[in-house]
Structures are given as structure tokens and as C-alpha cells.
C-alpha atoms as a PDB file:
ATOM      1  CA  MET A   1     -72.135-101.556 -42.693  1.00  0.00           C
ATOM      2  CA  SER A   2     -68.685-100.220 -43.596  1.00  0.00           C
ATOM      3  CA  GLU A   3     -68.349 -96.768 -45.003  1.00  0.00           C
ATOM      4  CA  THR A   4     -66.228 -96.044 -48.032  1.00  0.00           C
ATOM      5  CA  SER A   5     -64.359 -92.774 -48.302  1.00  0.00           C
ATOM      6  CA  GLU A   6     -62.953 -91.142 -51.397  1.00  0.00           C
ATOM      7  CA  ALA A   7     -59.190 -90.753 -51.587  1.00  0.00           C
ATOM      8  CA  THR A   8     -57.984 -87.269 -50.719  1.00  0.00           C
ATOM      9  CA  PRO A   9     -56.876 -85.480 -53.902  1.00  0.00           C
ATOM     10  CA  LEU A  10     -53.161 -84.751 -54.140  1.00  0.00           C
ATOM     11  CA  ASN A  11     -52.097 -81.146 -53.922  1.00  0.00           C
ATOM     12  CA  LEU A  12     -49.640 -79.614 -56.400  1.00  0.00           C
ATOM     13  CA  LEU A  13     -46.541 -80.350 -54.339  1.00  0.00           C
ATOM     14  CA  GLN A  14     -47.581 -83.963 -53.835  1.00  0.00           C
ATOM     15  CA  LYS A  15     -48.234 -84.372 -57.557  1.00  0.00           C
ATOM     16  CA  LEU A  16     -44.764 -83.052 -58.419  1.00  0.00           C
ATOM     17  CA  ALA A  17     -43.195 -85.291 -55.773  1.00  0.00           C
ATOM     18  CA  SER A  18     -44.927 -88.299 -57.325  1.00  0.00           C
ATOM     19  CA  ILE A  19     -43.249 -87.464 -60.653  1.00  0.00           C
ATOM     20  CA  VAL A  20     -39.859 -87.593 -58.915  1.00  0.00           C
ATOM     21  CA  ALA A  21     -40.718 -91.135 -57.811  1.00  0.00           C
ATOM     22  CA  GLU A  22     -41.979 -92.103 -61.282  1.00  0.00           C
ATOM     23  CA  ILE A  23     -39.095 -90.965 -63.526  1.00  0.00           C
ATOM     24  CA  ASP A  24     -35.968 -92.804 -62.441  1.00  0.00           C
ATOM     25  CA  HIS A  25     -33.719 -92.149 -65.448  1.00  0.00           C
ATOM     26  CA  VAL A  26     -33.517 -91.005 -69.077  1.00  0.00           C
ATOM     27  CA  GLU A  27     -31.691 -93.035 -71.708  1.00  0.00           C
ATOM     28  CA  LYS A  28     -28.708 -91.439 -73.429  1.00  0.00           C
ATOM     29  CA  SER A  29     -30.100 -91.692 -76.954  1.00  0.00           C
ATOM     30  CA  GLY A  30     -28.066 -88.799 -78.342  1.00  0.00           C
ATOM     31  CA  ARG A  31     -24.620 -89.337 -79.852  1.00  0.00           C
ATOM     32  CA  ASN A  32     -21.916 -86.726 -80.443  1.00  0.00           C
ATOM     33  CA  THR A  33     -19.911 -88.310 -83.274  1.00  0.00           C
ATOM     34  CA  PHE A  34     -17.300 -85.542 -83.318  1.00  0.00           C
ATOM     35  CA  GLN A  35     -16.263 -85.904 -79.673  1.00  0.00           C
ATOM     36  CA  ASN A  36     -17.437 -89.525 -79.337  1.00  0.00           C
ATOM     37  CA  TYR A  37     -19.771 -89.503 -76.361  1.00  0.00           C
ATOM     38  CA  ASN A  38     -23.438 -90.234 -75.674  1.00  0.00           C
ATOM     39  CA  TYR A  39     -25.722 -87.678 -74.082  1.00  0.00           C
ATOM     40  CA  VAL A  40     -29.278 -87.212 -72.829  1.00  0.00           C
ATOM     41  CA  LYS A  41     -31.385 -85.420 -75.454  1.00  0.00           C
ATOM     42  CA  ALA A  42     -33.515 -82.477 -74.393  1.00  0.00           C
ATOM     43  CA  ALA A  43     -36.438 -83.895 -76.379  1.00  0.00           C
ATOM     44  CA  ASP A  44     -36.328 -87.154 -74.401  1.00  0.00           C
ATOM     45  CA  VAL A  45     -36.388 -85.318 -71.065  1.00  0.00           C
ATOM     46  CA  ALA A  46     -39.220 -83.058 -72.233  1.00  0.00           C
ATOM     47  CA  TRP A  47     -41.265 -86.015 -73.501  1.00  0.00           C
ATOM     48  CA  LEU A  48     -41.046 -87.959 -70.245  1.00  0.00           C
ATOM     49  CA  VAL A  49     -41.802 -84.923 -68.066  1.00  0.00           C
ATOM     50  CA  ARG A  50     -44.611 -83.745 -70.363  1.00  0.00           C
ATOM     51  CA  LYS A  51     -46.259 -87.171 -70.166  1.00  0.00           C
ATOM     52  CA  ALA A  52     -45.988 -87.214 -66.360  1.00  0.00           C
ATOM     53  CA  LEU A  53     -47.300 -83.652 -65.998  1.00  0.00           C
ATOM     54  CA  SER A  54     -50.273 -84.120 -68.313  1.00  0.00           C
ATOM     55  CA  SER A  55     -51.369 -87.319 -66.566  1.00  0.00           C
ATOM     56  CA  ARG A  56     -51.645 -85.277 -63.346  1.00  0.00           C
ATOM     57  CA  ASN A  57     -53.350 -82.289 -64.971  1.00  0.00           C
ATOM     58  CA  ILE A  58     -50.343 -80.020 -64.377  1.00  0.00           C
ATOM     59  CA  TYR A  59     -49.498 -77.270 -66.853  1.00  0.00           C
ATOM     60  CA  LEU A  60     -45.981 -75.908 -67.247  1.00  0.00           C
ATOM     61  CA  VAL A  61     -45.312 -72.314 -68.293  1.00  0.00           C
ATOM     62  CA  SER A  62     -41.711 -71.576 -69.261  1.00  0.00           C
ATOM     63  CA  ASP A  63     -40.399 -68.056 -69.745  1.00  0.00           C
ATOM     64  CA  VAL A  64     -37.024 -66.417 -70.406  1.00  0.00           C
ATOM     65  CA  VAL A  65     -36.513 -63.853 -67.641  1.00  0.00           C
ATOM     66  CA  GLU A  66     -32.898 -62.861 -68.235  1.00  0.00           C
ATOM     67  CA  VAL A  67     -30.679 -62.751 -71.335  1.00  0.00           C
ATOM     68  CA  ARG A  68     -27.004 -61.936 -71.761  1.00  0.00           C
ATOM     69  CA  ASN A  69     -25.404 -61.650 -75.224  1.00  0.00           C
ATOM     70  CA  TYR A  70     -21.652 -61.637 -75.842  1.00  0.00           C
ATOM     71  CA  THR A  71     -18.982 -63.097 -78.129  1.00  0.00           C
ATOM     72  CA  ILE A  72     -16.276 -65.654 -77.443  1.00  0.00           C
ATOM     73  CA  PRO A  73     -13.010 -66.371 -79.289  1.00  0.00           C
ATOM     74  CA  ALA A  74     -13.213 -69.057 -81.966  1.00  0.00           C
ATOM     75  CA  LYS A  75     -10.770 -70.668 -84.353  1.00  0.00           C
ATOM     76  CA  GLU A  76      -8.811 -68.695 -86.939  1.00  0.00           C
ATOM     77  CA  ASN A  77      -9.154 -65.422 -85.004  1.00  0.00           C
ATOM     78  CA  THR A  78     -12.936 -65.351 -85.399  1.00  0.00           C
ATOM     79  CA  VAL A  79     -15.657 -65.026 -82.787  1.00  0.00           C
ATOM     80  CA  MET A  80     -18.877 -66.882 -82.037  1.00  0.00           C
ATOM     81  CA  GLN A  81     -22.128 -65.475 -80.767  1.00  0.00           C
ATOM     82  CA  ALA A  82     -22.953 -66.630 -77.235  1.00  0.00           C
ATOM     83  CA  VAL A  83     -26.051 -66.230 -75.118  1.00  0.00           C
ATOM     84  CA  ASP A  84     -26.778 -66.956 -71.451  1.00  0.00           C
ATOM     85  CA  VAL A  85     -30.427 -67.222 -70.476  1.00  0.00           C
ATOM     86  CA  ARG A  86     -32.187 -67.654 -67.176  1.00  0.00           C
ATOM     87  CA  MET A  87     -35.530 -69.383 -67.533  1.00  0.00           C
ATOM     88  CA  GLU A  88     -38.432 -69.544 -65.124  1.00  0.00           C
ATOM     89  CA  PHE A  89     -40.611 -72.657 -64.933  1.00  0.00           C
ATOM     90  CA  SER A  90     -44.058 -72.291 -63.324  1.00  0.00           C
ATOM     91  CA  PHE A  91     -46.071 -75.423 -62.540  1.00  0.00           C
ATOM     92  CA  PHE A  92     -49.863 -74.844 -62.359  1.00  0.00           C
ATOM     93  CA  ASP A  93     -52.383 -77.322 -60.952  1.00  0.00           C
ATOM     94  CA  GLY A  94     -55.288 -77.733 -63.371  1.00  0.00           C
ATOM     95  CA  ASP A  95     -57.369 -79.364 -60.640  1.00  0.00           C
ATOM     96  CA  SER A  96     -56.922 -76.354 -58.376  1.00  0.00           C
ATOM     97  CA  PRO A  97     -56.636 -73.191 -60.501  1.00  0.00           C
ATOM     98  CA  ALA A  98     -56.575 -70.935 -57.444  1.00  0.00           C
ATOM     99  CA  THR A  99     -53.407 -72.599 -56.136  1.00  0.00           C
ATOM    100  CA  LEU A 100     -50.276 -70.507 -56.636  1.00  0.00           C
ATOM    101  CA  PRO A 101     -47.740 -72.111 -58.995  1.00  0.00           C
ATOM    102  CA  ILE A 102     -44.508 -73.714 -57.860  1.00  0.00           C
ATOM    103  CA  VAL A 103     -41.654 -71.896 -59.606  1.00  0.00           C
ATOM    104  CA  THR A 104     -38.117 -73.054 -60.406  1.00  0.00           C
ATOM    105  CA  HIS A 105     -35.271 -71.494 -62.407  1.00  0.00           C
ATOM    106  CA  ALA A 106     -32.461 -72.750 -64.635  1.00  0.00           C
ATOM    107  CA  TRP A 107     -29.575 -71.301 -66.613  1.00  0.00           C
ATOM    108  CA  GLY A 108     -28.601 -72.242 -70.158  1.00  0.00           C
ATOM    109  CA  THR A 109     -25.731 -71.222 -72.446  1.00  0.00           C
ATOM    110  CA  GLY A 110     -25.656 -71.459 -76.225  1.00  0.00           C
ATOM    111  CA  THR A 111     -23.029 -70.615 -78.835  1.00  0.00           C
ATOM    112  CA  ASP A 112     -23.408 -70.423 -82.592  1.00  0.00           C
ATOM    113  CA  LYS A 113     -21.826 -68.753 -85.600  1.00  0.00           C
ATOM    114  CA  GLY A 114     -25.269 -67.614 -86.765  1.00  0.00           C
ATOM    115  CA  ASP A 115     -28.499 -66.735 -84.996  1.00  0.00           C
ATOM    116  CA  LYS A 116     -29.261 -69.995 -83.162  1.00  0.00           C
ATOM    117  CA  ALA A 117     -27.374 -69.314 -79.907  1.00  0.00           C
ATOM    118  CA  ILE A 118     -30.524 -68.170 -78.086  1.00  0.00           C
ATOM    119  CA  TYR A 119     -32.416 -71.333 -79.048  1.00  0.00           C
ATOM    120  CA  LYS A 120     -29.551 -73.566 -77.963  1.00  0.00           C
ATOM    121  CA  ALA A 121     -29.414 -71.744 -74.637  1.00  0.00           C
ATOM    122  CA  MET A 122     -33.162 -72.170 -74.116  1.00  0.00           C
ATOM    123  CA  THR A 123     -32.973 -75.868 -74.980  1.00  0.00           C
ATOM    124  CA  GLY A 124     -30.139 -76.380 -72.505  1.00  0.00           C
ATOM    125  CA  ALA A 125     -31.991 -74.508 -69.777  1.00  0.00           C
ATOM    126  CA  LEU A 126     -35.125 -76.557 -70.407  1.00  0.00           C
ATOM    127  CA  LYS A 127     -33.283 -79.875 -70.280  1.00  0.00           C
ATOM    128  CA  TYR A 128     -31.275 -79.186 -67.155  1.00  0.00           C
ATOM    129  CA  GLY A 129     -34.096 -77.262 -65.494  1.00  0.00           C
ATOM    130  CA  LEU A 130     -36.444 -80.228 -65.804  1.00  0.00           C
ATOM    131  CA  ARG A 131     -33.756 -82.721 -64.829  1.00  0.00           C
ATOM    132  CA  HIS A 132     -32.873 -80.768 -61.696  1.00  0.00           C
ATOM    133  CA  SER A 133     -36.488 -80.066 -60.784  1.00  0.00           C
ATOM    134  CA  PHE A 134     -37.352 -83.762 -60.826  1.00  0.00           C
ATOM    135  CA  ILE A 135     -33.897 -85.035 -59.788  1.00  0.00           C
ATOM    136  CA  ILE A 136     -33.558 -87.194 -62.899  1.00  0.00           C
ATOM    137  CA  PRO A 137     -30.215 -88.976 -62.459  1.00  0.00           C
ATOM    138  CA  ASP A 138     -27.388 -89.242 -64.929  1.00  0.00           C
ATOM    139  CA  GLU A 139     -25.026 -92.160 -64.532  1.00  0.00           C
ATOM    140  CA  SER A 140     -22.091 -90.069 -65.733  1.00  0.00           C
ATOM    141  CA  ASP A 141     -20.064 -88.568 -62.881  1.00  0.00           C
ATOM    142  CA  PRO A 142     -17.569 -85.728 -63.493  1.00  0.00           C
ATOM    143  CA  GLU A 143     -15.418 -87.026 -60.623  1.00  0.00           C
ATOM    144  CA  ALA A 144     -15.049 -90.378 -62.423  1.00  0.00           C
ATOM    145  CA  ASP A 145     -14.461 -89.031 -65.930  1.00  0.00           C
ATOM    146  CA  VAL A 146     -11.101 -90.595 -66.760  1.00  0.00           C
ATOM    147  CA  GLU A 147     -11.005 -89.241 -70.306  1.00  0.00           C
ATOM    148  CA  THR A 148     -11.537 -85.698 -69.080  1.00  0.00           C
ATOM    149  CA  ASP A 149      -8.773 -86.148 -66.516  1.00  0.00           C
ATOM    150  CA  LYS A 150      -6.447 -87.371 -69.274  1.00  0.00           C
ATOM    151  CA  ALA A 151      -7.318 -84.426 -71.526  1.00  0.00           C
ATOM    152  CA  THR A 152      -6.857 -81.968 -68.660  1.00  0.00           C
ATOM    153  CA  ALA A 153      -3.517 -83.493 -67.696  1.00  0.00           C
ATOM    154  CA  ALA A 154      -2.334 -83.383 -71.324  1.00  0.00           C
ATOM    155  CA  ALA A 155      -3.389 -79.753 -71.742  1.00  0.00           C
ATOM    156  CA  LYS A 156      -1.788 -78.802 -68.428  1.00  0.00           C
ATOM    157  CA  ALA A 157       1.454 -80.563 -69.383  1.00  0.00           C
ATOM    158  CA  THR A 158       1.496 -78.703 -72.698  1.00  0.00           C
ATOM    159  CA  GLY A 159       0.992 -75.426 -70.868  1.00  0.00           C
ATOM    160  CA  GLU A 160       3.785 -76.215 -68.421  1.00  0.00           C
ATOM    161  CA  ALA A 161       6.070 -77.105 -71.322  1.00  0.00           C
ATOM    162  CA  LYS A 162       5.347 -73.783 -73.022  1.00  0.00           C
ATOM    163  CA  VAL A 163       6.068 -71.883 -69.799  1.00  0.00           C
ATOM    164  CA  ALA A 164       9.329 -73.813 -69.385  1.00  0.00           C
ATOM    165  CA  GLU A 165      10.247 -72.978 -72.967  1.00  0.00           C
ATOM    166  CA  LEU A 166       9.703 -69.298 -72.320  1.00  0.00           C
ATOM    167  CA  LYS A 167      11.919 -69.502 -69.250  1.00  0.00           C
ATOM    168  CA  LYS A 168      14.632 -71.245 -71.260  1.00  0.00           C
ATOM    169  CA  LYS A 169      14.501 -68.567 -73.954  1.00  0.00           C
ATOM    170  CA  ALA A 170      15.071 -66.012 -71.225  1.00  0.00           C
ATOM    171  CA  GLY A 171      18.385 -67.732 -70.427  1.00  0.00           C
ATOM    172  CA  LYS A 172      17.485 -68.983 -66.957  1.00  0.00           C
ATOM    173  CA  SER A 173      17.027 -72.370 -65.392  1.00  0.00           C
ATOM    174  CA  PRO A 174      13.524 -73.178 -64.066  1.00  0.00           C
ATOM    175  CA  ALA A 175      14.792 -72.734 -60.509  1.00  0.00           C
ATOM    176  CA  GLU A 176      16.299 -69.322 -61.242  1.00  0.00           C
ATOM    177  CA  ALA A 177      13.172 -68.218 -63.070  1.00  0.00           C
ATOM    178  CA  THR A 178      11.054 -69.155 -60.069  1.00  0.00           C
ATOM    179  CA  GLU A 179      13.231 -67.097 -57.732  1.00  0.00           C
ATOM    180  CA  ARG A 180      13.389 -63.995 -59.938  1.00  0.00           C
ATOM    181  CA  PRO A 181      10.883 -62.543 -62.425  1.00  0.00           C
ATOM    182  CA  SER A 182      11.642 -63.698 -65.942  1.00  0.00           C
ATOM    183  CA  LYS A 183      12.255 -61.354 -68.846  1.00  0.00           C
ATOM    184  CA  ALA A 184      10.144 -63.659 -70.967  1.00  0.00           C
ATOM    185  CA  VAL A 185       6.437 -63.029 -71.285  1.00  0.00           C
ATOM    186  CA  PRO A 186       4.636 -66.053 -69.784  1.00  0.00           C
ATOM    187  CA  CYS A 187       1.189 -66.927 -71.032  1.00  0.00           C
ATOM    188  CA  LEU A 188      -2.005 -68.063 -69.402  1.00  0.00           C
ATOM    189  CA  PHE A 189      -3.415 -70.991 -71.356  1.00  0.00           C
ATOM    190  CA  TYR A 190      -6.999 -72.180 -71.411  1.00  0.00           C
ATOM    191  CA  THR A 191      -8.765 -75.035 -73.170  1.00  0.00           C
ATOM    192  CA  GLU A 192     -12.343 -76.168 -73.766  1.00  0.00           C
ATOM    193  CA  PRO A 193     -12.795 -79.628 -72.161  1.00  0.00           C
ATOM    194  CA  PRO A 194     -15.298 -81.672 -74.247  1.00  0.00           C
ATOM    195  CA  ALA A 195     -16.904 -83.104 -71.100  1.00  0.00           C
ATOM    196  CA  GLN A 196     -17.930 -79.601 -69.981  1.00  0.00           C
ATOM    197  CA  ASN A 197     -20.281 -79.418 -72.989  1.00  0.00           C
ATOM    198  CA  GLY A 198     -19.424 -75.779 -73.615  1.00  0.00           C
ATOM    199  CA  PHE A 199     -20.421 -74.628 -70.132  1.00  0.00           C
ATOM    200  CA  PHE A 200     -16.858 -74.133 -68.802  1.00  0.00           C
ATOM    201  CA  VAL A 201     -13.373 -73.382 -70.092  1.00  0.00           C
ATOM    202  CA  GLU A 202     -10.347 -74.507 -68.111  1.00  0.00           C
ATOM    203  CA  PHE A 203      -7.242 -72.436 -67.349  1.00  0.00           C
ATOM    204  CA  VAL A 204      -4.583 -75.123 -67.112  1.00  0.00           C
ATOM    205  CA  ASN A 205      -1.422 -73.384 -65.886  1.00  0.00           C
ATOM    206  CA  ILE A 206      -2.493 -70.899 -63.212  1.00  0.00           C
ATOM    207  CA  ARG A 207       0.078 -72.088 -60.678  1.00  0.00           C
ATOM    208  CA  GLU A 208       2.938 -72.165 -63.188  1.00  0.00           C
ATOM    209  CA  PHE A 209       2.033 -68.730 -64.522  1.00  0.00           C
ATOM    210  CA  LEU A 210       1.942 -67.133 -61.086  1.00  0.00           C
ATOM    211  CA  SER A 211       5.305 -68.699 -60.216  1.00  0.00           C
ATOM    212  CA  THR A 212       6.827 -66.445 -62.886  1.00  0.00           C
ATOM    213  CA  ARG A 213       4.591 -63.427 -62.271  1.00  0.00           C
ATOM    214  CA  GLU A 214       4.209 -63.118 -58.529  1.00  0.00           C
ATOM    215  CA  ASP A 215       3.491 -59.426 -59.025  1.00  0.00           C
ATOM    216  CA  MET A 216       0.255 -60.418 -60.734  1.00  0.00           C
ATOM    217  CA  GLN A 217      -0.928 -62.930 -58.145  1.00  0.00           C
ATOM    218  CA  ASP A 218      -3.432 -60.649 -56.423  1.00  0.00           C
ATOM    219  CA  GLY A 219      -4.790 -59.274 -59.690  1.00  0.00           C
ATOM    220  CA  VAL A 220      -5.205 -62.671 -61.354  1.00  0.00           C
ATOM    221  CA  THR A 221      -6.747 -64.162 -58.217  1.00  0.00           C
ATOM    222  CA  GLU A 222      -9.252 -61.335 -57.972  1.00  0.00           C
ATOM    223  CA  ALA A 223     -10.080 -61.572 -61.691  1.00  0.00           C
ATOM    224  CA  MET A 224     -10.691 -65.313 -61.406  1.00  0.00           C
ATOM    225  CA  ARG A 225     -12.853 -64.791 -58.343  1.00  0.00           C
ATOM    226  CA  GLY A 226     -14.896 -62.190 -60.205  1.00  0.00           C
ATOM    227  CA  ALA A 227     -15.374 -64.667 -63.067  1.00  0.00           C
ATOM    228  CA  ARG A 228     -16.742 -67.279 -60.633  1.00  0.00           C
ATOM    229  CA  ALA A 229     -13.818 -69.617 -61.316  1.00  0.00           C
ATOM    230  CA  LYS A 230     -13.777 -72.967 -59.525  1.00  0.00           C
ATOM    231  CA  LYS A 231     -10.458 -74.492 -58.502  1.00  0.00           C
ATOM    232  CA  THR A 232     -10.017 -78.173 -59.382  1.00  0.00           C
ATOM    233  CA  LYS A 233      -8.099 -80.851 -57.518  1.00  0.00           C
ATOM    234  CA  SER A 234      -5.322 -80.594 -60.117  1.00  0.00           C
ATOM    235  CA  GLU A 235      -5.005 -76.835 -59.387  1.00  0.00           C
ATOM    236  CA  THR A 236      -6.514 -75.717 -62.675  1.00  0.00           C
ATOM    237  CA  ALA A 237      -9.448 -73.283 -62.823  1.00  0.00           C
ATOM    238  CA  LEU A 238     -12.870 -73.860 -64.404  1.00  0.00           C
ATOM    239  CA  VAL A 239     -14.476 -70.638 -65.623  1.00  0.00           C
ATOM    240  CA  PRO A 240     -18.102 -70.447 -66.858  1.00  0.00           C
ATOM    241  CA  THR A 241     -18.082 -69.878 -70.603  1.00  0.00           C
ATOM    242  CA  GLY A 242     -20.290 -66.845 -70.163  1.00  0.00           C
ATOM    243  CA  GLU A 243     -17.614 -65.224 -68.004  1.00  0.00           C
ATOM    244  CA  LEU A 244     -14.734 -65.874 -70.419  1.00  0.00           C
ATOM    245  CA  GLN A 245     -14.988 -62.724 -72.539  1.00  0.00           C
ATOM    246  CA  PRO A 246     -15.189 -60.302 -69.564  1.00  0.00           C
ATOM    247  CA  LEU A 247     -12.313 -62.197 -67.946  1.00  0.00           C
ATOM    248  CA  LEU A 248     -10.184 -61.919 -71.093  1.00  0.00           C
ATOM    249  CA  GLU A 249     -10.950 -58.215 -71.304  1.00  0.00           C
ATOM    250  CA  LYS A 250      -9.700 -57.779 -67.754  1.00  0.00           C
ATOM    251  CA  LEU A 251      -6.631 -60.020 -68.032  1.00  0.00           C
ATOM    252  CA  VAL A 252      -5.549 -58.842 -71.482  1.00  0.00           C
ATOM    253  CA  GLY A 253      -7.087 -55.393 -71.831  1.00  0.00           C
ATOM    254  CA  GLU A 254      -6.655 -54.026 -68.294  1.00  0.00           C
ATOM    255  CA  MET A 255      -3.741 -56.056 -66.919  1.00  0.00           C
ATOM    256  CA  GLY A 256      -1.781 -56.499 -70.148  1.00  0.00           C
ATOM    257  CA  LEU A 257      -1.333 -60.261 -69.783  1.00  0.00           C
ATOM    258  CA  THR A 258      -0.957 -62.735 -72.620  1.00  0.00           C
ATOM    259  CA  VAL A 259      -3.733 -65.320 -72.754  1.00  0.00           C
ATOM    260  CA  LYS A 260      -3.973 -68.017 -75.420  1.00  0.00           C
ATOM    261  CA  LYS A 261      -6.408 -70.794 -76.181  1.00  0.00           C
ATOM    262  CA  LEU A 262      -4.732 -74.179 -76.032  1.00  0.00           C
ATOM    263  CA  GLU A 263      -6.040 -77.109 -78.045  1.00  0.00           C
ATOM    264  CA  ALA A 264      -5.805 -80.388 -76.112  1.00  0.00           C
ATOM    265  CA  PRO A 265      -4.230 -83.237 -78.113  1.00  0.00           C
ATOM    266  CA  ALA A 266      -6.887 -85.188 -80.006  1.00  0.00           C
ATOM    267  CA  ASN A 267      -5.631 -88.516 -78.626  1.00  0.00           C
ATOM    268  CA  ALA A 268      -5.443 -87.318 -75.018  1.00  0.00           C
END
């Protein structure tokens, strides 16, 4: 007579791994009509993960463990409230209450003219925290974002043109201005690429700026490094939005540089 054996219950890690295998994608049901792109809604991610967790008797506890409040420049010389949050996600196994939870973390950034920045930051952290925890893919790839490349190139070209104009006003050819410091006051320009979803700003003329202010090369480089800037293939610099205000305070307030926000052409 053959013996039948009960299946061995899955432990917490195995249950979470099975969710990774179950959720293969999330539809982009959200639509940004202002910037004309589709996006994955936080509610859709939460619904799929919640359904998968509850079917396995797993409970998720989310908690904000770190908050940073600051302001960022906005249009017409105004400022917006901004908040960075770090959230902690603890997964508990309802079938084994004595088992220690598996904990993950995620960052979120929110900006708002009123009091909703903290809630936007928490929503962003929840969405990306769950997506990263369960490796939920997104078919969009920053490396293949042609529209972003076009916008970046247009903004960079505008910045270069403004630098060239400043050199011309100083009465020097571009070659002469490169060899000797210009009497003009060159500017550092930054823009807010739509594809970065508010998480990064982009300084578009770092190389051109430093060609006219070699005396500032070490200071600017160190300031960018302190702001966790990431150099792109087109030699621009991506700076986390949360680091923008401290960076501006250093560049403008301490170093006396001129920094301006540059609006990319709408048809770029």
C-alpha cells in the first residue's frame, strides 16, 4: 500500500519568491495628459501585490522611517514644498507568527504647492518599493528613451548657445574665451526632464561652463559629487531632486556662481 505525504508548507521566503514568479507585469493604465506619456499607477501595483500576499497569508507592514523636508525653485520665482521619505516594508508570515519578518526599504520624493508632498512621496515609495521587491518589470527603458534624448539634446544646445552668447558679449571668439577666462559671467543651466518623473534634474552644460571657469572646476566637481550627481553619456549631470536645493545653496550662496533653470522646448 502506498503512503501519501502532505506537501511541505512554504516558508516566508519561498512564498515571496512565488509572488515574483506569479506577477510578470503591470499594465500602464495611468495617463499623463500634460506631458503625454503612460505610466504604471501605484494603485494597480498595490492591488496586484495585495492580492498575491493575502492568498499566501502574508501581512505587509509599511512605515516611514526617515523624512526630509525642503523647498525647490518653481516658476515665477516661487518655491514648492518637497519631501523625501524612506519607507520600511516588513513582510510577516501569518502561518508562522514566530518567524522574523523579511524587511525591504524604498525611497520616494514628492513635491506640491500645498500640503500633499508627503503623501505623494509615500505613494511613490510604495509603488517602487513593491515593484523592486518583486522585480515587476517595466517595458520602458531609460537607455532607449528617444524623446528624452531629444529633449536633453535640445536643452543642452540651448545652454551652449547661451554660453556662446555670453562669450560674444565679452568681445572674444569662442577659441579665445576657452584659452583665457572670460569677463562675462557664464551660467550653469539645469532642466527638469519629464521622463525623470520629478526624481532628477539635469545640468546640461557642465563641460561648457567649466571651459570658461577652469578656476571653479574642483569646486563644482566636488559640489556635484556631494549632491550624488550621475554623469550621462552626453556629459550632462543628473542630480536627485532632493539634492537640488542644497546644491544650489553651495553653488550660488557659497561659490557665487550663477545658476538658472532652463525650460526645454515644448516640441523637443
